[in-house]
Amino acid sequence: MTDAWPFLAVSLLILGSAGSVAAGDLAAGRSVAETVCATCHGVDGIAVAPDAPHLAGENRLYLRAQLRAFRSGRRQHPQMSIIAQALTDQELADVVAWYEAIQITAVMPD
């Protein structure tokens, strides 16, 4: 029974956080990505700027946590802190849904 506790704790955290943000709309998320994110992260989630991470296919829990951290000031970056503060909760959910929905593949080296 003790082996199940970590799984149960993580499951409860995920379920508890899932209801706190509205579901993201892909079309609206693409619009946010095109107008706000594409310069650095690309609308397709493949970063254009050399110091920006790829966002395509990234987990929504991670993306949401990072955007919220930028927005609250817990995480600092010259551009992202400003950009995240300007996003509404719905825009944040939309852009997170967009980038998570992008499917990527990996090619292993020989």
PDB file of N, CA and C in Angstrom:
ATOM      1  N   MET A   1       0.813  -1.207   0.000  1.00  0.00           N
ATOM      2  CA  MET A   1       0.000   0.000   0.000  1.00  0.00           C
ATOM      3  C   MET A   1       0.854   1.268   0.000  1.00  0.00           C
ATOM      4  N   THR A   2       1.989   1.242   0.671  1.00  0.00           N
ATOM      5  CA  THR A   2       2.822   2.443   0.716  1.00  0.00           C
ATOM      6  C   THR A   2       3.405   2.790  -0.646  1.00  0.00           C
ATOM      7  N   ASP A   3       3.549   1.805  -1.538  1.00  0.00           N
ATOM      8  CA  ASP A   3       4.057   2.076  -2.876  1.00  0.00           C
ATOM      9  C   ASP A   3       3.086   2.926  -3.695  1.00  0.00           C
ATOM     10  N   ALA A   4       1.812   2.903  -3.347  1.00  0.00           N
ATOM     11  CA  ALA A   4       0.801   3.641  -4.102  1.00  0.00           C
ATOM     12  C   ALA A   4       0.734   5.114  -3.707  1.00  0.00           C
ATOM     13  N   TRP A   5       1.269   5.507  -2.569  1.00  0.00           N
ATOM     14  CA  TRP A   5       1.149   6.882  -2.099  1.00  0.00           C
ATOM     15  C   TRP A   5       1.742   7.911  -3.044  1.00  0.00           C
ATOM     16  N   PRO A   6       2.949   7.712  -3.577  1.00  0.00           N
ATOM     17  CA  PRO A   6       3.464   8.732  -4.515  1.00  0.00           C
ATOM     18  C   PRO A   6       2.561   8.909  -5.733  1.00  0.00           C
ATOM     19  N   PHE A   7       2.077   7.811  -6.283  1.00  0.00           N
ATOM     20  CA  PHE A   7       1.185   7.890  -7.436  1.00  0.00           C
ATOM     21  C   PHE A   7      -0.105   8.621  -7.066  1.00  0.00           C
ATOM     22  N   LEU A   8      -0.658   8.289  -5.919  1.00  0.00           N
ATOM     23  CA  LEU A   8      -1.898   8.926  -5.470  1.00  0.00           C
ATOM     24  C   LEU A   8      -1.693  10.420  -5.246  1.00  0.00           C
ATOM     25  N   ALA A   9      -0.582  10.783  -4.641  1.00  0.00           N
ATOM     26  CA  ALA A   9      -0.315  12.198  -4.373  1.00  0.00           C
ATOM     27  C   ALA A   9      -0.188  12.991  -5.675  1.00  0.00           C
ATOM     28  N   VAL A  10       0.554  12.457  -6.640  1.00  0.00           N
ATOM     29  CA  VAL A  10       0.712  13.139  -7.931  1.00  0.00           C
ATOM     30  C   VAL A  10      -0.630  13.226  -8.647  1.00  0.00           C
ATOM     31  N   SER A  11      -1.406  12.154  -8.612  1.00  0.00           N
ATOM     32  CA  SER A  11      -2.720  12.153  -9.266  1.00  0.00           C
ATOM     33  C   SER A  11      -3.633  13.215  -8.677  1.00  0.00           C
ATOM     34  N   LEU A  12      -3.628  13.342  -7.377  1.00  0.00           N
ATOM     35  CA  LEU A  12      -4.470  14.353  -6.731  1.00  0.00           C
ATOM     36  C   LEU A  12      -4.014  15.769  -7.091  1.00  0.00           C
ATOM     37  N   LEU A  13      -2.712  15.973  -7.163  1.00  0.00           N
ATOM     38  CA  LEU A  13      -2.205  17.292  -7.562  1.00  0.00           C
ATOM     39  C   LEU A  13      -2.633  17.639  -8.980  1.00  0.00           C
ATOM     40  N   ILE A  14      -2.536  16.677  -9.879  1.00  0.00           N
ATOM     41  CA  ILE A  14      -2.915  16.915 -11.268  1.00  0.00           C
ATOM     42  C   ILE A  14      -4.404  17.188 -11.370  1.00  0.00           C
ATOM     43  N   LEU A  15      -5.209  16.372 -10.706  1.00  0.00           N
ATOM     44  CA  LEU A  15      -6.657  16.566 -10.752  1.00  0.00           C
ATOM     45  C   LEU A  15      -7.061  17.886 -10.118  1.00  0.00           C
ATOM     46  N   GLY A  16      -6.407  18.231  -9.039  1.00  0.00           N
ATOM     47  CA  GLY A  16      -6.730  19.481  -8.368  1.00  0.00           C
ATOM     48  C   GLY A  16      -6.373  20.695  -9.187  1.00  0.00           C
ATOM     49  N   SER A  17      -5.284  20.615  -9.934  1.00  0.00           N
ATOM     50  CA  SER A  17      -4.876  21.771 -10.733  1.00  0.00           C
ATOM     51  C   SER A  17      -5.609  21.837 -12.063  1.00  0.00           C
ATOM     52  N   ALA A  18      -6.161  20.733 -12.521  1.00  0.00           N
ATOM     53  CA  ALA A  18      -6.818  20.712 -13.826  1.00  0.00           C
ATOM     54  C   ALA A  18      -8.055  21.595 -13.864  1.00  0.00           C
ATOM     55  N   GLY A  19      -8.785  21.669 -12.788  1.00  0.00           N
ATOM     56  CA  GLY A  19     -10.008  22.456 -12.773  1.00  0.00           C
ATOM     57  C   GLY A  19      -9.788  23.936 -12.576  1.00  0.00           C
ATOM     58  N   SER A  20      -8.574  24.342 -12.256  1.00  0.00           N
ATOM     59  CA  SER A  20      -8.328  25.743 -11.938  1.00  0.00           C
ATOM     60  C   SER A  20      -8.150  26.625 -13.170  1.00  0.00           C
ATOM     61  N   VAL A  21      -8.003  26.028 -14.335  1.00  0.00           N
ATOM     62  CA  VAL A  21      -7.836  26.800 -15.563  1.00  0.00           C
ATOM     63  C   VAL A  21      -8.804  26.254 -16.598  1.00  0.00           C
ATOM     64  N   ALA A  22      -9.436  27.162 -17.310  1.00  0.00           N
ATOM     65  CA  ALA A  22     -10.352  26.741 -18.362  1.00  0.00           C
ATOM     66  C   ALA A  22      -9.585  25.972 -19.431  1.00  0.00           C
ATOM     67  N   ALA A  23     -10.307  25.106 -20.111  1.00  0.00           N
ATOM     68  CA  ALA A  23      -9.692  24.353 -21.202  1.00  0.00           C
ATOM     69  C   ALA A  23      -9.260  25.322 -22.292  1.00  0.00           C
ATOM     70  N   GLY A  24      -8.147  24.995 -22.909  1.00  0.00           N
ATOM     71  CA  GLY A  24      -7.630  25.864 -23.956  1.00  0.00           C
ATOM     72  C   GLY A  24      -8.280  25.608 -25.294  1.00  0.00           C
ATOM     73  N   ASP A  25      -8.420  26.650 -26.073  1.00  0.00           N
ATOM     74  CA  ASP A  25      -8.973  26.590 -27.414  1.00  0.00           C
ATOM     75  C   ASP A  25      -7.805  26.635 -28.400  1.00  0.00           C
ATOM     76  N   LEU A  26      -7.714  25.616 -29.265  1.00  0.00           N
ATOM     77  CA  LEU A  26      -6.570  25.524 -30.178  1.00  0.00           C
ATOM     78  C   LEU A  26      -6.487  26.691 -31.157  1.00  0.00           C
ATOM     79  N   ALA A  27      -7.603  27.088 -31.737  1.00  0.00           N
ATOM     80  CA  ALA A  27      -7.578  28.191 -32.700  1.00  0.00           C
ATOM     81  C   ALA A  27      -7.138  29.489 -32.019  1.00  0.00           C
ATOM     82  N   ALA A  28      -7.661  29.728 -30.834  1.00  0.00           N
ATOM     83  CA  ALA A  28      -7.263  30.926 -30.092  1.00  0.00           C
ATOM     84  C   ALA A  28      -5.802  30.833 -29.669  1.00  0.00           C
ATOM     85  N   GLY A  29      -5.364  29.625 -29.304  1.00  0.00           N
ATOM     86  CA  GLY A  29      -3.968  29.422 -28.925  1.00  0.00           C
ATOM     87  C   GLY A  29      -3.025  29.665 -30.079  1.00  0.00           C
ATOM     88  N   ARG A  30      -3.428  29.225 -31.266  1.00  0.00           N
ATOM     89  CA  ARG A  30      -2.598  29.484 -32.445  1.00  0.00           C
ATOM     90  C   ARG A  30      -2.493  30.979 -32.698  1.00  0.00           C
ATOM     91  N   SER A  31      -3.600  31.693 -32.517  1.00  0.00           N
ATOM     92  CA  SER A  31      -3.597  33.140 -32.706  1.00  0.00           C
ATOM     93  C   SER A  31      -2.645  33.817 -31.722  1.00  0.00           C
ATOM     94  N   VAL A  32      -2.666  33.393 -30.467  1.00  0.00           N
ATOM     95  CA  VAL A  32      -1.734  33.944 -29.475  1.00  0.00           C
ATOM     96  C   VAL A  32      -0.303  33.617 -29.883  1.00  0.00           C
ATOM     97  N   ALA A  33      -0.073  32.368 -30.289  1.00  0.00           N
ATOM     98  CA  ALA A  33       1.273  31.957 -30.698  1.00  0.00           C
ATOM     99  C   ALA A  33       1.760  32.789 -31.877  1.00  0.00           C
ATOM    100  N   GLU A  34       0.885  33.032 -32.842  1.00  0.00           N
ATOM    101  CA  GLU A  34       1.270  33.813 -34.027  1.00  0.00           C
ATOM    102  C   GLU A  34       1.594  35.263 -33.680  1.00  0.00           C
ATOM    103  N   THR A  35       0.834  35.849 -32.771  1.00  0.00           N
ATOM    104  CA  THR A  35       1.001  37.272 -32.487  1.00  0.00           C
ATOM    105  C   THR A  35       1.968  37.570 -31.346  1.00  0.00           C
ATOM    106  N   VAL A  36       2.123  36.632 -30.417  1.00  0.00           N
ATOM    107  CA  VAL A  36       2.916  36.915 -29.220  1.00  0.00           C
ATOM    108  C   VAL A  36       4.190  36.078 -29.138  1.00  0.00           C
ATOM    109  N   CYS A  37       4.133  34.822 -29.536  1.00  0.00           N
ATOM    110  CA  CYS A  37       5.213  33.873 -29.255  1.00  0.00           C
ATOM    111  C   CYS A  37       6.127  33.551 -30.433  1.00  0.00           C
ATOM    112  N   ALA A  38       5.610  33.703 -31.656  1.00  0.00           N
ATOM    113  CA  ALA A  38       6.296  33.189 -32.844  1.00  0.00           C
ATOM    114  C   ALA A  38       7.675  33.784 -33.083  1.00  0.00           C
ATOM    115  N   THR A  39       7.903  35.029 -32.708  1.00  0.00           N
ATOM    116  CA  THR A  39       9.187  35.669 -32.964  1.00  0.00           C
ATOM    117  C   THR A  39      10.335  34.879 -32.337  1.00  0.00           C
ATOM    118  N   CYS A  40      10.115  34.348 -31.140  1.00  0.00           N
ATOM    119  CA  CYS A  40      11.173  33.592 -30.456  1.00  0.00           C
ATOM    120  C   CYS A  40      10.959  32.078 -30.521  1.00  0.00           C
ATOM    121  N   HIS A  41       9.708  31.648 -30.282  1.00  0.00           N
ATOM    122  CA  HIS A  41       9.424  30.216 -30.152  1.00  0.00           C
ATOM    123  C   HIS A  41       8.853  29.591 -31.414  1.00  0.00           C
ATOM    124  N   GLY A  42       8.542  30.386 -32.419  1.00  0.00           N
ATOM    125  CA  GLY A  42       7.943  29.875 -33.642  1.00  0.00           C
ATOM    126  C   GLY A  42       6.486  29.505 -33.425  1.00  0.00           C
ATOM    127  N   VAL A  43       5.641  29.738 -34.409  1.00  0.00           N
ATOM    128  CA  VAL A  43       4.237  29.360 -34.286  1.00  0.00           C
ATOM    129  C   VAL A  43       4.107  27.841 -34.226  1.00  0.00           C
ATOM    130  N   ASP A  44       5.089  27.140 -34.812  1.00  0.00           N
ATOM    131  CA  ASP A  44       5.088  25.683 -34.784  1.00  0.00           C
ATOM    132  C   ASP A  44       5.775  25.124 -33.544  1.00  0.00           C
ATOM    133  N   GLY A  45       6.231  26.002 -32.659  1.00  0.00           N
ATOM    134  CA  GLY A  45       6.860  25.570 -31.413  1.00  0.00           C
ATOM    135  C   GLY A  45       8.327  25.218 -31.540  1.00  0.00           C
ATOM    136  N   ILE A  46       8.887  25.374 -32.725  1.00  0.00           N
ATOM    137  CA  ILE A  46      10.317  25.154 -32.917  1.00  0.00           C
ATOM    138  C   ILE A  46      10.982  26.524 -32.846  1.00  0.00           C
ATOM    139  N   ALA A  47      11.775  26.717 -31.822  1.00  0.00           N
ATOM    140  CA  ALA A  47      12.337  28.036 -31.527  1.00  0.00           C
ATOM    141  C   ALA A  47      13.119  28.619 -32.684  1.00  0.00           C
ATOM    142  N   VAL A  48      12.941  29.905 -32.864  1.00  0.00           N
ATOM    143  CA  VAL A  48      13.648  30.672 -33.884  1.00  0.00           C
ATOM    144  C   VAL A  48      14.858  31.359 -33.244  1.00  0.00           C
ATOM    145  N   ALA A  49      14.666  31.914 -32.077  1.00  0.00           N
ATOM    146  CA  ALA A  49      15.750  32.594 -31.358  1.00  0.00           C
ATOM    147  C   ALA A  49      16.665  31.548 -30.719  1.00  0.00           C
ATOM    148  N   PRO A  50      17.966  31.768 -30.780  1.00  0.00           N
ATOM    149  CA  PRO A  50      18.897  30.764 -30.269  1.00  0.00           C
ATOM    150  C   PRO A  50      18.812  30.528 -28.758  1.00  0.00           C
ATOM    151  N   ASP A  51      18.309  31.503 -28.007  1.00  0.00           N
ATOM    152  CA  ASP A  51      18.216  31.336 -26.553  1.00  0.00           C
ATOM    153  C   ASP A  51      16.808  30.980 -26.078  1.00  0.00           C
ATOM    154  N   ALA A  52      15.905  30.661 -27.002  1.00  0.00           N
ATOM    155  CA  ALA A  52      14.525  30.302 -26.650  1.00  0.00           C
ATOM    156  C   ALA A  52      14.347  28.793 -26.753  1.00  0.00           C
ATOM    157  N   PRO A  53      13.598  28.216 -25.827  1.00  0.00           N
ATOM    158  CA  PRO A  53      13.362  26.767 -25.903  1.00  0.00           C
ATOM    159  C   PRO A  53      12.281  26.421 -26.925  1.00  0.00           C
ATOM    160  N   HIS A  54      12.362  25.204 -27.439  1.00  0.00           N
ATOM    161  CA  HIS A  54      11.289  24.668 -28.271  1.00  0.00           C
ATOM    162  C   HIS A  54      10.091  24.407 -27.357  1.00  0.00           C
ATOM    163  N   LEU A  55       8.890  24.686 -27.836  1.00  0.00           N
ATOM    164  CA  LEU A  55       7.674  24.461 -27.051  1.00  0.00           C
ATOM    165  C   LEU A  55       6.777  23.384 -27.648  1.00  0.00           C
ATOM    166  N   ALA A  56       7.022  22.985 -28.875  1.00  0.00           N
ATOM    167  CA  ALA A  56       6.183  22.006 -29.559  1.00  0.00           C
ATOM    168  C   ALA A  56       6.119  20.701 -28.768  1.00  0.00           C
ATOM    169  N   GLY A  57       4.901  20.258 -28.497  1.00  0.00           N
ATOM    170  CA  GLY A  57       4.694  18.984 -27.829  1.00  0.00           C
ATOM    171  C   GLY A  57       4.999  18.973 -26.342  1.00  0.00           C
ATOM    172  N   GLU A  58       5.309  20.120 -25.776  1.00  0.00           N
ATOM    173  CA  GLU A  58       5.632  20.192 -24.349  1.00  0.00           C
ATOM    174  C   GLU A  58       4.376  19.957 -23.517  1.00  0.00           C
ATOM    175  N   ASN A  59       4.548  19.364 -22.362  1.00  0.00           N
ATOM    176  CA  ASN A  59       3.446  19.035 -21.458  1.00  0.00           C
ATOM    177  C   ASN A  59       2.761  20.306 -20.948  1.00  0.00           C
ATOM    178  N   ARG A  60       1.423  20.284 -20.942  1.00  0.00           N
ATOM    179  CA  ARG A  60       0.667  21.474 -20.534  1.00  0.00           C
ATOM    180  C   ARG A  60       0.927  21.874 -19.086  1.00  0.00           C
ATOM    181  N   LEU A  61       1.145  20.894 -18.209  1.00  0.00           N
ATOM    182  CA  LEU A  61       1.397  21.223 -16.808  1.00  0.00           C
ATOM    183  C   LEU A  61       2.702  22.012 -16.672  1.00  0.00           C
ATOM    184  N   TYR A  62       3.700  21.623 -17.422  1.00  0.00           N
ATOM    185  CA  TYR A  62       4.982  22.327 -17.394  1.00  0.00           C
ATOM    186  C   TYR A  62       4.842  23.724 -17.991  1.00  0.00           C
ATOM    187  N   LEU A  63       4.240  23.810 -19.183  1.00  0.00           N
ATOM    188  CA  LEU A  63       4.077  25.113 -19.831  1.00  0.00           C
ATOM    189  C   LEU A  63       3.276  26.077 -18.960  1.00  0.00           C
ATOM    190  N   ARG A  64       2.172  25.592 -18.421  1.00  0.00           N
ATOM    191  CA  ARG A  64       1.330  26.440 -17.569  1.00  0.00           C
ATOM    192  C   ARG A  64       2.103  26.901 -16.338  1.00  0.00           C
ATOM    193  N   ALA A  65       2.842  26.000 -15.708  1.00  0.00           N
ATOM    194  CA  ALA A  65       3.606  26.360 -14.513  1.00  0.00           C
ATOM    195  C   ALA A  65       4.662  27.419 -14.834  1.00  0.00           C
ATOM    196  N   GLN A  66       5.333  27.276 -15.973  1.00  0.00           N
ATOM    197  CA  GLN A  66       6.374  28.238 -16.328  1.00  0.00           C
ATOM    198  C   GLN A  66       5.779  29.606 -16.657  1.00  0.00           C
ATOM    199  N   LEU A  67       4.695  29.624 -17.422  1.00  0.00           N
ATOM    200  CA  LEU A  67       4.058  30.911 -17.741  1.00  0.00           C
ATOM    201  C   LEU A  67       3.538  31.597 -16.485  1.00  0.00           C
ATOM    202  N   ARG A  68       2.966  30.826 -15.583  1.00  0.00           N
ATOM    203  CA  ARG A  68       2.496  31.410 -14.321  1.00  0.00           C
ATOM    204  C   ARG A  68       3.655  31.935 -13.483  1.00  0.00           C
ATOM    205  N   ALA A  69       4.774  31.216 -13.497  1.00  0.00           N
ATOM    206  CA  ALA A  69       5.949  31.668 -12.740  1.00  0.00           C
ATOM    207  C   ALA A  69       6.485  32.980 -13.312  1.00  0.00           C
ATOM    208  N   PHE A  70       6.525  33.102 -14.633  1.00  0.00           N
ATOM    209  CA  PHE A  70       6.930  34.369 -15.249  1.00  0.00           C
ATOM    210  C   PHE A  70       5.944  35.472 -14.893  1.00  0.00           C
ATOM    211  N   ARG A  71       4.663  35.148 -14.950  1.00  0.00           N
ATOM    212  CA  ARG A  71       3.631  36.148 -14.696  1.00  0.00           C
ATOM    213  C   ARG A  71       3.673  36.643 -13.255  1.00  0.00           C
ATOM    214  N   SER A  72       3.925  35.745 -12.309  1.00  0.00           N
ATOM    215  CA  SER A  72       3.938  36.124 -10.896  1.00  0.00           C
ATOM    216  C   SER A  72       5.248  36.767 -10.452  1.00  0.00           C
ATOM    217  N   GLY A  73       6.306  36.588 -11.265  1.00  0.00           N
ATOM    218  CA  GLY A  73       7.606  37.114 -10.889  1.00  0.00           C
ATOM    219  C   GLY A  73       8.491  36.090 -10.192  1.00  0.00           C
ATOM    220  N   ARG A  74       7.976  34.888  -9.939  1.00  0.00           N
ATOM    221  CA  ARG A  74       8.803  33.836  -9.339  1.00  0.00           C
ATOM    222  C   ARG A  74       9.945  33.438 -10.271  1.00  0.00           C
ATOM    223  N   ARG A  75       9.721  33.550 -11.573  1.00  0.00           N
ATOM    224  CA  ARG A  75      10.753  33.294 -12.569  1.00  0.00           C
ATOM    225  C   ARG A  75      10.935  34.584 -13.362  1.00  0.00           C
ATOM    226  N   GLN A  76      12.166  34.951 -13.623  1.00  0.00           N
ATOM    227  CA  GLN A  76      12.456  36.214 -14.284  1.00  0.00           C
ATOM    228  C   GLN A  76      13.145  36.000 -15.629  1.00  0.00           C
ATOM    229  N   HIS A  77      12.720  36.762 -16.607  1.00  0.00           N
ATOM    230  CA  HIS A  77      13.368  36.817 -17.920  1.00  0.00           C
ATOM    231  C   HIS A  77      12.957  38.157 -18.516  1.00  0.00           C
ATOM    232  N   PRO A  78      13.894  38.873 -19.138  1.00  0.00           N
ATOM    233  CA  PRO A  78      13.576  40.216 -19.632  1.00  0.00           C
ATOM    234  C   PRO A  78      12.328  40.293 -20.512  1.00  0.00           C
ATOM    235  N   GLN A  79      12.165  39.376 -21.460  1.00  0.00           N
ATOM    236  CA  GLN A  79      10.999  39.423 -22.340  1.00  0.00           C
ATOM    237  C   GLN A  79       9.823  38.630 -21.781  1.00  0.00           C
ATOM    238  N   MET A  80      10.092  37.405 -21.313  1.00  0.00           N
ATOM    239  CA  MET A  80       8.996  36.528 -20.897  1.00  0.00           C
ATOM    240  C   MET A  80       8.218  37.065 -19.700  1.00  0.00           C
ATOM    241  N   SER A  81       8.882  37.727 -18.806  1.00  0.00           N
ATOM    242  CA  SER A  81       8.171  38.284 -17.650  1.00  0.00           C
ATOM    243  C   SER A  81       7.127  39.298 -18.101  1.00  0.00           C
ATOM    244  N   ILE A  82       7.475  40.127 -19.061  1.00  0.00           N
ATOM    245  CA  ILE A  82       6.547  41.134 -19.588  1.00  0.00           C
ATOM    246  C   ILE A  82       5.438  40.467 -20.392  1.00  0.00           C
ATOM    247  N   ILE A  83       5.807  39.543 -21.264  1.00  0.00           N
ATOM    248  CA  ILE A  83       4.824  38.870 -22.120  1.00  0.00           C
ATOM    249  C   ILE A  83       3.816  38.092 -21.291  1.00  0.00           C
ATOM    250  N   ALA A  84       4.288  37.322 -20.324  1.00  0.00           N
ATOM    251  CA  ALA A  84       3.391  36.496 -19.512  1.00  0.00           C
ATOM    252  C   ALA A  84       2.435  37.355 -18.688  1.00  0.00           C
ATOM    253  N   GLN A  85       2.897  38.493 -18.214  1.00  0.00           N
ATOM    254  CA  GLN A  85       2.027  39.376 -17.427  1.00  0.00           C
ATOM    255  C   GLN A  85       0.879  39.922 -18.264  1.00  0.00           C
ATOM    256  N   ALA A  86       1.089  40.028 -19.556  1.00  0.00           N
ATOM    257  CA  ALA A  86       0.051  40.561 -20.435  1.00  0.00           C
ATOM    258  C   ALA A  86      -0.992  39.518 -20.834  1.00  0.00           C
ATOM    259  N   LEU A  87      -0.719  38.239 -20.600  1.00  0.00           N
ATOM    260  CA  LEU A  87      -1.666  37.185 -20.975  1.00  0.00           C
ATOM    261  C   LEU A  87      -2.780  37.044 -19.947  1.00  0.00           C
ATOM    262  N   THR A  88      -4.008  36.935 -20.421  1.00  0.00           N
ATOM    263  CA  THR A  88      -5.123  36.614 -19.524  1.00  0.00           C
ATOM    264  C   THR A  88      -5.038  35.127 -19.187  1.00  0.00           C
ATOM    265  N   ASP A  89      -5.803  34.687 -18.203  1.00  0.00           N
ATOM    266  CA  ASP A  89      -5.848  33.263 -17.865  1.00  0.00           C
ATOM    267  C   ASP A  89      -6.282  32.434 -19.066  1.00  0.00           C
ATOM    268  N   GLN A  90      -7.264  32.934 -19.823  1.00  0.00           N
ATOM    269  CA  GLN A  90      -7.751  32.173 -20.972  1.00  0.00           C
ATOM    270  C   GLN A  90      -6.709  32.131 -22.083  1.00  0.00           C
ATOM    271  N   GLU A  91      -6.034  33.244 -22.339  1.00  0.00           N
ATOM    272  CA  GLU A  91      -4.978  33.247 -23.360  1.00  0.00           C
ATOM    273  C   GLU A  91      -3.851  32.294 -22.982  1.00  0.00           C
ATOM    274  N   LEU A  92      -3.515  32.274 -21.703  1.00  0.00           N
ATOM    275  CA  LEU A  92      -2.495  31.358 -21.227  1.00  0.00           C
ATOM    276  C   LEU A  92      -2.928  29.911 -21.479  1.00  0.00           C
ATOM    277  N   ALA A  93      -4.164  29.577 -21.127  1.00  0.00           N
ATOM    278  CA  ALA A  93      -4.680  28.221 -21.358  1.00  0.00           C
ATOM    279  C   ALA A  93      -4.714  27.892 -22.841  1.00  0.00           C
ATOM    280  N   ASP A  94      -5.074  28.862 -23.667  1.00  0.00           N
ATOM    281  CA  ASP A  94      -5.155  28.641 -25.111  1.00  0.00           C
ATOM    282  C   ASP A  94      -3.785  28.356 -25.719  1.00  0.00           C
ATOM    283  N   VAL A  95      -2.793  29.176 -25.392  1.00  0.00           N
ATOM    284  CA  VAL A  95      -1.464  28.990 -25.989  1.00  0.00           C
ATOM    285  C   VAL A  95      -0.811  27.714 -25.467  1.00  0.00           C
ATOM    286  N   VAL A  96      -1.070  27.369 -24.221  1.00  0.00           N
ATOM    287  CA  VAL A  96      -0.572  26.104 -23.670  1.00  0.00           C
ATOM    288  C   VAL A  96      -1.188  24.931 -24.430  1.00  0.00           C
ATOM    289  N   ALA A  97      -2.492  24.988 -24.666  1.00  0.00           N
ATOM    290  CA  ALA A  97      -3.165  23.916 -25.421  1.00  0.00           C
ATOM    291  C   ALA A  97      -2.598  23.812 -26.828  1.00  0.00           C
ATOM    292  N   TRP A  98      -2.329  24.947 -27.463  1.00  0.00           N
ATOM    293  CA  TRP A  98      -1.777  24.951 -28.824  1.00  0.00           C
ATOM    294  C   TRP A  98      -0.426  24.246 -28.874  1.00  0.00           C
ATOM    295  N   TYR A  99       0.493  24.689 -28.036  1.00  0.00           N
ATOM    296  CA  TYR A  99       1.831  24.111 -28.096  1.00  0.00           C
ATOM    297  C   TYR A  99       1.844  22.640 -27.671  1.00  0.00           C
ATOM    298  N   GLU A 100       1.004  22.269 -26.710  1.00  0.00           N
ATOM    299  CA  GLU A 100       0.948  20.861 -26.304  1.00  0.00           C
ATOM    300  C   GLU A 100       0.400  19.984 -27.434  1.00  0.00           C
ATOM    301  N   ALA A 101      -0.528  20.500 -28.216  1.00  0.00           N
ATOM    302  CA  ALA A 101      -1.175  19.706 -29.266  1.00  0.00           C
ATOM    303  C   ALA A 101      -0.286  19.445 -30.475  1.00  0.00           C
ATOM    304  N   ILE A 102       0.803  20.212 -30.615  1.00  0.00           N
ATOM    305  CA  ILE A 102       1.706  19.999 -31.745  1.00  0.00           C
ATOM    306  C   ILE A 102       2.423  18.665 -31.552  1.00  0.00           C
ATOM    307  N   GLN A 103       2.359  17.831 -32.549  1.00  0.00           N
ATOM    308  CA  GLN A 103       3.013  16.528 -32.472  1.00  0.00           C
ATOM    309  C   GLN A 103       4.414  16.615 -33.074  1.00  0.00           C
ATOM    310  N   ILE A 104       5.360  16.089 -32.342  1.00  0.00           N
ATOM    311  CA  ILE A 104       6.738  16.084 -32.825  1.00  0.00           C
ATOM    312  C   ILE A 104       7.250  14.651 -32.866  1.00  0.00           C
ATOM    313  N   THR A 105       8.289  14.437 -33.632  1.00  0.00           N
ATOM    314  CA  THR A 105       8.945  13.138 -33.670  1.00  0.00           C
ATOM    315  C   THR A 105      10.432  13.341 -33.420  1.00  0.00           C
ATOM    316  N   ALA A 106      11.052  12.306 -32.938  1.00  0.00           N
ATOM    317  CA  ALA A 106      12.485  12.350 -32.700  1.00  0.00           C
ATOM    318  C   ALA A 106      13.163  11.342 -33.611  1.00  0.00           C
ATOM    319  N   VAL A 107      14.298  11.717 -34.136  1.00  0.00           N
ATOM    320  CA  VAL A 107      15.093  10.835 -34.965  1.00  0.00           C
ATOM    321  C   VAL A 107      16.384  10.534 -34.209  1.00  0.00           C
ATOM    322  N   MET A 108      16.565   9.302 -33.868  1.00  0.00           N
ATOM    323  CA  MET A 108      17.742   8.900 -33.114  1.00  0.00           C
ATOM    324  C   MET A 108      18.959   8.860 -34.047  1.00  0.00           C
ATOM    325  N   PRO A 109      20.118   9.276 -33.543  1.00  0.00           N
ATOM    326  CA  PRO A 109      21.315   9.207 -34.385  1.00  0.00           C
ATOM    327  C   PRO A 109      21.733   7.755 -34.615  1.00  0.00           C
ATOM    328  N   ASP A 110      22.477   7.548 -35.659  1.00  0.00           N
ATOM    329  CA  ASP A 110      22.947   6.186 -35.966  1.00  0.00           C
ATOM    330  C   ASP A 110      23.989   5.722 -34.979  1.00  0.00           C
TER     331      ASP A 110
END
